[in-house]
Amino acid sequence: MPLVLWCLVVLLLVPYVLAALGGYYKLRHLGGLDLHHPRAQDAGLTGIGNRIRASQSNAWEALTFFIGCLLVASLRGAPLEALALPALLFTATRLAHPLLYVGDLPPLRSAMVLVGLISGLYLALWAG
């Protein structure tokens, strides 16, 4: 399987890993999971739990951006092998992003978003 598709698989899993971590913090800090109103329960999270929830939302947004970039590159006829480096860079930024979010390091987190945005645009428009 081409490396770019492995990157996609990893990026597909990131929001679910963050959801599991968010669930752990709900159990630990809020005493359980409200399966009827999970979004309302999210409002009760503070600190690390709240940052994990926010990074999960951002992971979904980044995933749609990456999929769109892959679609554009594919429609342009770019060979998957040529997309490996920008896809790896994007994936690295998206793996670092939640760590920086949870670590409460906004300037570095914003830098990761910018590098990811540039690598995604490169992937879509110029790679291959």
N, C-alpha and C. Protein backbone atom coordinates (compact mmCIF):
# COMPACT_ATOMS: atom_id res chain seq x y z
N MET A 1 0.86 -1.17 0.00
CA MET A 1 0.00 0.00 0.00
C MET A 1 0.91 1.24 0.00
N PRO A 2 0.61 2.24 -0.82
CA PRO A 2 1.43 3.45 -0.85
C PRO A 2 1.43 4.17 0.49
N LEU A 3 2.55 4.82 0.76
CA LEU A 3 2.74 5.52 2.03
C LEU A 3 1.65 6.57 2.30
N VAL A 4 1.21 7.25 1.26
CA VAL A 4 0.19 8.28 1.44
C VAL A 4 -1.10 7.67 2.00
N LEU A 5 -1.40 6.45 1.63
CA LEU A 5 -2.61 5.80 2.17
C LEU A 5 -2.41 5.38 3.62
N TRP A 6 -1.19 4.99 3.99
CA TRP A 6 -0.91 4.72 5.40
C TRP A 6 -1.08 5.98 6.24
N CYS A 7 -0.65 7.12 5.66
CA CYS A 7 -0.85 8.40 6.36
C CYS A 7 -2.34 8.64 6.57
N LEU A 8 -3.14 8.36 5.56
CA LEU A 8 -4.58 8.54 5.68
C LEU A 8 -5.15 7.65 6.78
N VAL A 9 -4.71 6.41 6.85
CA VAL A 9 -5.19 5.50 7.89
C VAL A 9 -4.85 6.05 9.28
N VAL A 10 -3.63 6.52 9.44
CA VAL A 10 -3.23 7.09 10.74
C VAL A 10 -4.11 8.29 11.08
N LEU A 11 -4.31 9.17 10.10
CA LEU A 11 -5.12 10.37 10.35
C LEU A 11 -6.58 10.02 10.62
N LEU A 12 -7.06 8.93 10.06
CA LEU A 12 -8.43 8.48 10.35
C LEU A 12 -8.57 8.03 11.80
N LEU A 13 -7.49 7.51 12.37
CA LEU A 13 -7.55 6.99 13.74
C LEU A 13 -7.37 8.08 14.81
N VAL A 14 -6.70 9.17 14.47
CA VAL A 14 -6.39 10.21 15.47
C VAL A 14 -7.63 10.71 16.21
N PRO A 15 -8.73 11.08 15.53
CA PRO A 15 -9.89 11.58 16.29
C PRO A 15 -10.47 10.54 17.24
N TYR A 16 -10.40 9.26 16.87
CA TYR A 16 -10.94 8.23 17.73
C TYR A 16 -10.07 8.00 18.97
N VAL A 17 -8.76 8.10 18.80
CA VAL A 17 -7.86 8.00 19.95
C VAL A 17 -8.13 9.17 20.90
N LEU A 18 -8.30 10.36 20.34
CA LEU A 18 -8.59 11.52 21.17
C LEU A 18 -9.97 11.40 21.84
N ALA A 19 -10.93 10.80 21.15
CA ALA A 19 -12.25 10.58 21.76
C ALA A 19 -12.13 9.63 22.95
N ALA A 20 -11.32 8.60 22.81
CA ALA A 20 -11.11 7.67 23.93
C ALA A 20 -10.46 8.37 25.11
N LEU A 21 -9.47 9.20 24.84
CA LEU A 21 -8.83 9.96 25.92
C LEU A 21 -9.82 10.93 26.56
N GLY A 22 -10.64 11.56 25.72
CA GLY A 22 -11.66 12.46 26.25
C GLY A 22 -12.66 11.72 27.13
N GLY A 23 -13.01 10.50 26.72
CA GLY A 23 -13.90 9.68 27.54
C GLY A 23 -13.28 9.35 28.89
N TYR A 24 -11.99 9.06 28.87
CA TYR A 24 -11.28 8.80 30.13
C TYR A 24 -11.39 10.01 31.06
N TYR A 25 -11.17 11.20 30.52
CA TYR A 25 -11.25 12.41 31.35
C TYR A 25 -12.67 12.68 31.82
N LYS A 26 -13.66 12.34 31.01
CA LYS A 26 -15.05 12.49 31.47
C LYS A 26 -15.31 11.55 32.64
N LEU A 27 -14.84 10.32 32.53
CA LEU A 27 -15.02 9.37 33.63
C LEU A 27 -14.31 9.86 34.89
N ARG A 28 -13.10 10.32 34.72
CA ARG A 28 -12.26 10.72 35.85
C ARG A 28 -12.75 12.01 36.52
N HIS A 29 -13.12 13.00 35.72
CA HIS A 29 -13.44 14.31 36.29
C HIS A 29 -14.93 14.59 36.43
N LEU A 30 -15.74 13.89 35.65
CA LEU A 30 -17.18 14.14 35.71
C LEU A 30 -17.96 12.95 36.26
N GLY A 31 -17.27 11.88 36.59
CA GLY A 31 -17.89 10.75 37.25
C GLY A 31 -18.60 9.75 36.36
N GLY A 32 -18.54 9.91 35.06
CA GLY A 32 -19.18 8.96 34.15
C GLY A 32 -19.37 9.56 32.77
N LEU A 33 -19.96 8.76 31.91
CA LEU A 33 -20.25 9.20 30.55
C LEU A 33 -21.75 9.40 30.39
N ASP A 34 -22.15 10.54 29.91
CA ASP A 34 -23.56 10.81 29.62
C ASP A 34 -23.79 10.45 28.15
N LEU A 35 -24.22 9.23 27.91
CA LEU A 35 -24.40 8.76 26.54
C LEU A 35 -25.62 9.38 25.86
N HIS A 36 -26.50 9.98 26.63
CA HIS A 36 -27.67 10.65 26.05
C HIS A 36 -27.33 12.07 25.59
N HIS A 37 -26.41 12.73 26.30
CA HIS A 37 -26.07 14.12 25.99
C HIS A 37 -24.55 14.33 26.08
N PRO A 38 -23.78 13.62 25.27
CA PRO A 38 -22.31 13.72 25.40
C PRO A 38 -21.78 15.12 25.10
N ARG A 39 -22.38 15.82 24.16
CA ARG A 39 -21.89 17.16 23.82
C ARG A 39 -22.15 18.14 24.97
N ALA A 40 -23.30 18.00 25.61
CA ALA A 40 -23.59 18.86 26.76
C ALA A 40 -22.61 18.55 27.90
N GLN A 41 -22.26 17.28 28.05
CA GLN A 41 -21.32 16.91 29.10
C GLN A 41 -19.94 17.50 28.82
N ASP A 42 -19.59 17.63 27.54
CA ASP A 42 -18.30 18.21 27.19
C ASP A 42 -18.11 19.60 27.80
N ALA A 43 -19.21 20.33 27.95
CA ALA A 43 -19.13 21.68 28.51
C ALA A 43 -18.60 21.68 29.94
N GLY A 44 -18.72 20.56 30.62
CA GLY A 44 -18.23 20.47 31.99
C GLY A 44 -16.75 20.17 32.10
N LEU A 45 -16.11 19.86 30.98
CA LEU A 45 -14.68 19.56 31.02
C LEU A 45 -13.87 20.84 31.16
N THR A 46 -12.80 20.75 31.91
CA THR A 46 -11.88 21.88 32.07
C THR A 46 -10.45 21.35 31.88
N GLY A 47 -9.53 22.25 31.74
CA GLY A 47 -8.11 21.89 31.68
C GLY A 47 -7.80 20.92 30.55
N ILE A 48 -7.06 19.88 30.89
CA ILE A 48 -6.60 18.91 29.89
C ILE A 48 -7.78 18.25 29.18
N GLY A 49 -8.80 17.88 29.92
CA GLY A 49 -9.97 17.25 29.30
C GLY A 49 -10.60 18.13 28.24
N ASN A 50 -10.72 19.40 28.52
CA ASN A 50 -11.29 20.33 27.55
C ASN A 50 -10.38 20.49 26.34
N ARG A 51 -9.06 20.52 26.57
CA ARG A 51 -8.13 20.65 25.45
C ARG A 51 -8.12 19.39 24.59
N ILE A 52 -8.29 18.23 25.20
CA ILE A 52 -8.38 16.99 24.41
C ILE A 52 -9.63 17.03 23.53
N ARG A 53 -10.75 17.46 24.10
CA ARG A 53 -11.99 17.55 23.32
C ARG A 53 -11.82 18.52 22.16
N ALA A 54 -11.21 19.65 22.42
CA ALA A 54 -11.00 20.64 21.36
C ALA A 54 -10.06 20.10 20.29
N SER A 55 -9.02 19.39 20.70
CA SER A 55 -8.09 18.84 19.70
C SER A 55 -8.74 17.74 18.89
N GLN A 56 -9.70 17.03 19.47
CA GLN A 56 -10.44 16.03 18.70
C GLN A 56 -11.26 16.71 17.60
N SER A 57 -11.93 17.79 17.94
CA SER A 57 -12.69 18.54 16.94
C SER A 57 -11.78 19.02 15.82
N ASN A 58 -10.61 19.52 16.20
CA ASN A 58 -9.66 20.01 15.20
C ASN A 58 -9.13 18.86 14.35
N ALA A 59 -8.98 17.67 14.94
CA ALA A 59 -8.50 16.51 14.17
C ALA A 59 -9.50 16.13 13.08
N TRP A 60 -10.80 16.23 13.37
CA TRP A 60 -11.80 15.95 12.34
C TRP A 60 -11.70 16.97 11.21
N GLU A 61 -11.53 18.24 11.58
CA GLU A 61 -11.42 19.29 10.57
C GLU A 61 -10.19 19.08 9.69
N ALA A 62 -9.07 18.74 10.31
CA ALA A 62 -7.83 18.51 9.55
C ALA A 62 -7.97 17.28 8.64
N LEU A 63 -8.67 16.28 9.11
CA LEU A 63 -8.88 15.08 8.30
C LEU A 63 -9.64 15.41 7.02
N THR A 64 -10.67 16.22 7.13
CA THR A 64 -11.43 16.58 5.92
C THR A 64 -10.56 17.39 4.97
N PHE A 65 -9.72 18.26 5.50
CA PHE A 65 -8.80 19.03 4.67
C PHE A 65 -7.84 18.09 3.93
N PHE A 66 -7.26 17.13 4.66
CA PHE A 66 -6.31 16.19 4.06
C PHE A 66 -6.98 15.35 2.97
N ILE A 67 -8.18 14.86 3.26
CA ILE A 67 -8.90 14.07 2.25
C ILE A 67 -9.18 14.91 1.01
N GLY A 68 -9.57 16.16 1.21
CA GLY A 68 -9.79 17.06 0.07
C GLY A 68 -8.52 17.27 -0.73
N CYS A 69 -7.41 17.46 -0.05
CA CYS A 69 -6.13 17.64 -0.74
C CYS A 69 -5.76 16.39 -1.53
N LEU A 70 -5.99 15.21 -0.94
CA LEU A 70 -5.73 13.96 -1.67
C LEU A 70 -6.62 13.84 -2.89
N LEU A 71 -7.86 14.23 -2.75
CA LEU A 71 -8.79 14.17 -3.87
C LEU A 71 -8.31 15.08 -5.01
N VAL A 72 -7.93 16.29 -4.69
CA VAL A 72 -7.45 17.22 -5.70
C VAL A 72 -6.20 16.66 -6.38
N ALA A 73 -5.27 16.15 -5.59
CA ALA A 73 -4.04 15.57 -6.17
C ALA A 73 -4.37 14.40 -7.07
N SER A 74 -5.30 13.56 -6.64
CA SER A 74 -5.70 12.40 -7.45
C SER A 74 -6.35 12.83 -8.75
N LEU A 75 -7.22 13.84 -8.68
CA LEU A 75 -7.88 14.33 -9.89
C LEU A 75 -6.90 14.99 -10.85
N ARG A 76 -5.81 15.52 -10.30
CA ARG A 76 -4.76 16.09 -11.14
C ARG A 76 -3.92 15.01 -11.80
N GLY A 77 -4.06 13.78 -11.32
CA GLY A 77 -3.29 12.67 -11.88
C GLY A 77 -1.94 12.48 -11.22
N ALA A 78 -1.73 13.08 -10.04
CA ALA A 78 -0.45 12.94 -9.35
C ALA A 78 -0.27 11.49 -8.89
N PRO A 79 0.89 10.90 -9.15
CA PRO A 79 1.12 9.53 -8.68
C PRO A 79 1.22 9.49 -7.15
N LEU A 80 0.64 8.47 -6.55
CA LEU A 80 0.61 8.37 -5.08
C LEU A 80 2.01 8.41 -4.49
N GLU A 81 2.99 7.84 -5.16
CA GLU A 81 4.35 7.83 -4.64
C GLU A 81 4.91 9.25 -4.49
N ALA A 82 4.50 10.16 -5.37
CA ALA A 82 4.98 11.54 -5.32
C ALA A 82 4.36 12.32 -4.17
N LEU A 83 3.31 11.80 -3.58
CA LEU A 83 2.62 12.50 -2.50
C LEU A 83 3.13 12.11 -1.12
N ALA A 84 4.07 11.17 -1.07
CA ALA A 84 4.51 10.61 0.21
C ALA A 84 5.10 11.66 1.15
N LEU A 85 6.04 12.46 0.67
CA LEU A 85 6.70 13.42 1.57
C LEU A 85 5.75 14.47 2.13
N PRO A 86 4.94 15.15 1.31
CA PRO A 86 4.01 16.11 1.92
C PRO A 86 2.97 15.43 2.81
N ALA A 87 2.57 14.22 2.48
CA ALA A 87 1.62 13.49 3.32
C ALA A 87 2.25 13.14 4.67
N LEU A 88 3.51 12.74 4.65
CA LEU A 88 4.22 12.45 5.91
C LEU A 88 4.36 13.71 6.76
N LEU A 89 4.69 14.82 6.12
CA LEU A 89 4.82 16.07 6.86
C LEU A 89 3.48 16.48 7.47
N PHE A 90 2.41 16.38 6.69
CA PHE A 90 1.08 16.71 7.21
C PHE A 90 0.74 15.80 8.40
N THR A 91 1.00 14.51 8.24
CA THR A 91 0.70 13.55 9.30
C THR A 91 1.50 13.87 10.56
N ALA A 92 2.76 14.21 10.40
CA ALA A 92 3.59 14.56 11.57
C ALA A 92 3.01 15.78 12.29
N THR A 93 2.55 16.78 11.53
CA THR A 93 1.98 17.96 12.19
C THR A 93 0.70 17.61 12.93
N ARG A 94 -0.08 16.69 12.37
CA ARG A 94 -1.35 16.33 13.00
C ARG A 94 -1.15 15.41 14.19
N LEU A 95 -0.03 14.71 14.26
CA LEU A 95 0.27 13.92 15.45
C LEU A 95 0.83 14.81 16.56
N ALA A 96 1.58 15.84 16.17
CA ALA A 96 2.13 16.77 17.15
C ALA A 96 1.06 17.72 17.70
N HIS A 97 0.09 18.06 16.88
CA HIS A 97 -0.91 19.06 17.25
C HIS A 97 -1.62 18.74 18.57
N PRO A 98 -2.20 17.55 18.76
CA PRO A 98 -2.89 17.30 20.04
C PRO A 98 -1.93 17.31 21.24
N LEU A 99 -0.69 16.89 21.03
CA LEU A 99 0.27 16.93 22.13
C LEU A 99 0.54 18.37 22.55
N LEU A 100 0.66 19.24 21.56
CA LEU A 100 0.88 20.66 21.85
C LEU A 100 -0.38 21.31 22.41
N TYR A 101 -1.55 20.84 21.97
CA TYR A 101 -2.82 21.36 22.49
C TYR A 101 -2.97 20.99 23.96
N VAL A 102 -2.76 19.70 24.26
CA VAL A 102 -2.89 19.23 25.64
C VAL A 102 -1.82 19.86 26.52
N GLY A 103 -0.63 20.07 25.94
CA GLY A 103 0.45 20.70 26.69
C GLY A 103 0.28 22.20 26.85
N ASP A 104 -0.78 22.75 26.29
CA ASP A 104 -1.10 24.17 26.39
C ASP A 104 0.04 25.05 25.86
N LEU A 105 0.45 24.73 24.62
CA LEU A 105 1.52 25.46 23.94
C LEU A 105 0.97 26.08 22.66
N PRO A 106 0.13 27.13 22.78
CA PRO A 106 -0.56 27.68 21.62
C PRO A 106 0.35 28.15 20.48
N PRO A 107 1.49 28.81 20.73
CA PRO A 107 2.30 29.25 19.59
C PRO A 107 2.82 28.08 18.75
N LEU A 108 3.30 27.04 19.42
CA LEU A 108 3.78 25.86 18.69
C LEU A 108 2.64 25.14 18.00
N ARG A 109 1.50 25.07 18.66
CA ARG A 109 0.32 24.45 18.06
C ARG A 109 -0.08 25.19 16.78
N SER A 110 -0.08 26.50 16.83
CA SER A 110 -0.41 27.29 15.65
C SER A 110 0.61 27.09 14.54
N ALA A 111 1.87 26.95 14.91
CA ALA A 111 2.91 26.68 13.92
C ALA A 111 2.66 25.34 13.23
N MET A 112 2.23 24.34 14.00
CA MET A 112 1.92 23.03 13.41
C MET A 112 0.75 23.14 12.43
N VAL A 113 -0.24 23.93 12.78
CA VAL A 113 -1.37 24.13 11.88
C VAL A 113 -0.89 24.77 10.58
N LEU A 114 -0.05 25.77 10.67
CA LEU A 114 0.46 26.46 9.48
C LEU A 114 1.29 25.52 8.61
N VAL A 115 2.19 24.77 9.21
CA VAL A 115 3.01 23.82 8.45
C VAL A 115 2.11 22.76 7.80
N GLY A 116 1.12 22.29 8.53
CA GLY A 116 0.18 21.31 7.98
C GLY A 116 -0.61 21.88 6.82
N LEU A 117 -1.05 23.12 6.95
CA LEU A 117 -1.79 23.78 5.88
C LEU A 117 -0.93 23.90 4.62
N ILE A 118 0.30 24.33 4.79
CA ILE A 118 1.20 24.48 3.65
C ILE A 118 1.49 23.13 3.00
N SER A 119 1.75 22.10 3.81
CA SER A 119 2.04 20.78 3.24
C SER A 119 0.82 20.21 2.53
N GLY A 120 -0.37 20.45 3.07
CA GLY A 120 -1.59 19.98 2.40
C GLY A 120 -1.81 20.68 1.07
N LEU A 121 -1.61 21.99 1.06
CA LEU A 121 -1.76 22.73 -0.20
C LEU A 121 -0.71 22.29 -1.22
N TYR A 122 0.51 22.07 -0.76
CA TYR A 122 1.55 21.57 -1.66
C TYR A 122 1.14 20.22 -2.25
N LEU A 123 0.64 19.36 -1.38
CA LEU A 123 0.19 18.03 -1.80
C LEU A 123 -0.88 18.15 -2.88
N ALA A 124 -1.83 19.02 -2.67
CA ALA A 124 -2.97 19.16 -3.59
C ALA A 124 -2.56 19.83 -4.90
N LEU A 125 -1.72 20.83 -4.84
CA LEU A 125 -1.51 21.69 -6.00
C LEU A 125 -0.21 21.48 -6.75
N TRP A 126 0.85 21.06 -6.05
CA TRP A 126 2.14 21.04 -6.73
C TRP A 126 2.86 19.70 -6.70
N ALA A 127 2.54 18.81 -5.77
CA ALA A 127 3.24 17.52 -5.70
C ALA A 127 2.91 16.68 -6.91
N GLY A 128 3.91 15.96 -7.37
CA GLY A 128 3.71 15.04 -8.50
C GLY A 128 3.91 15.70 -9.80
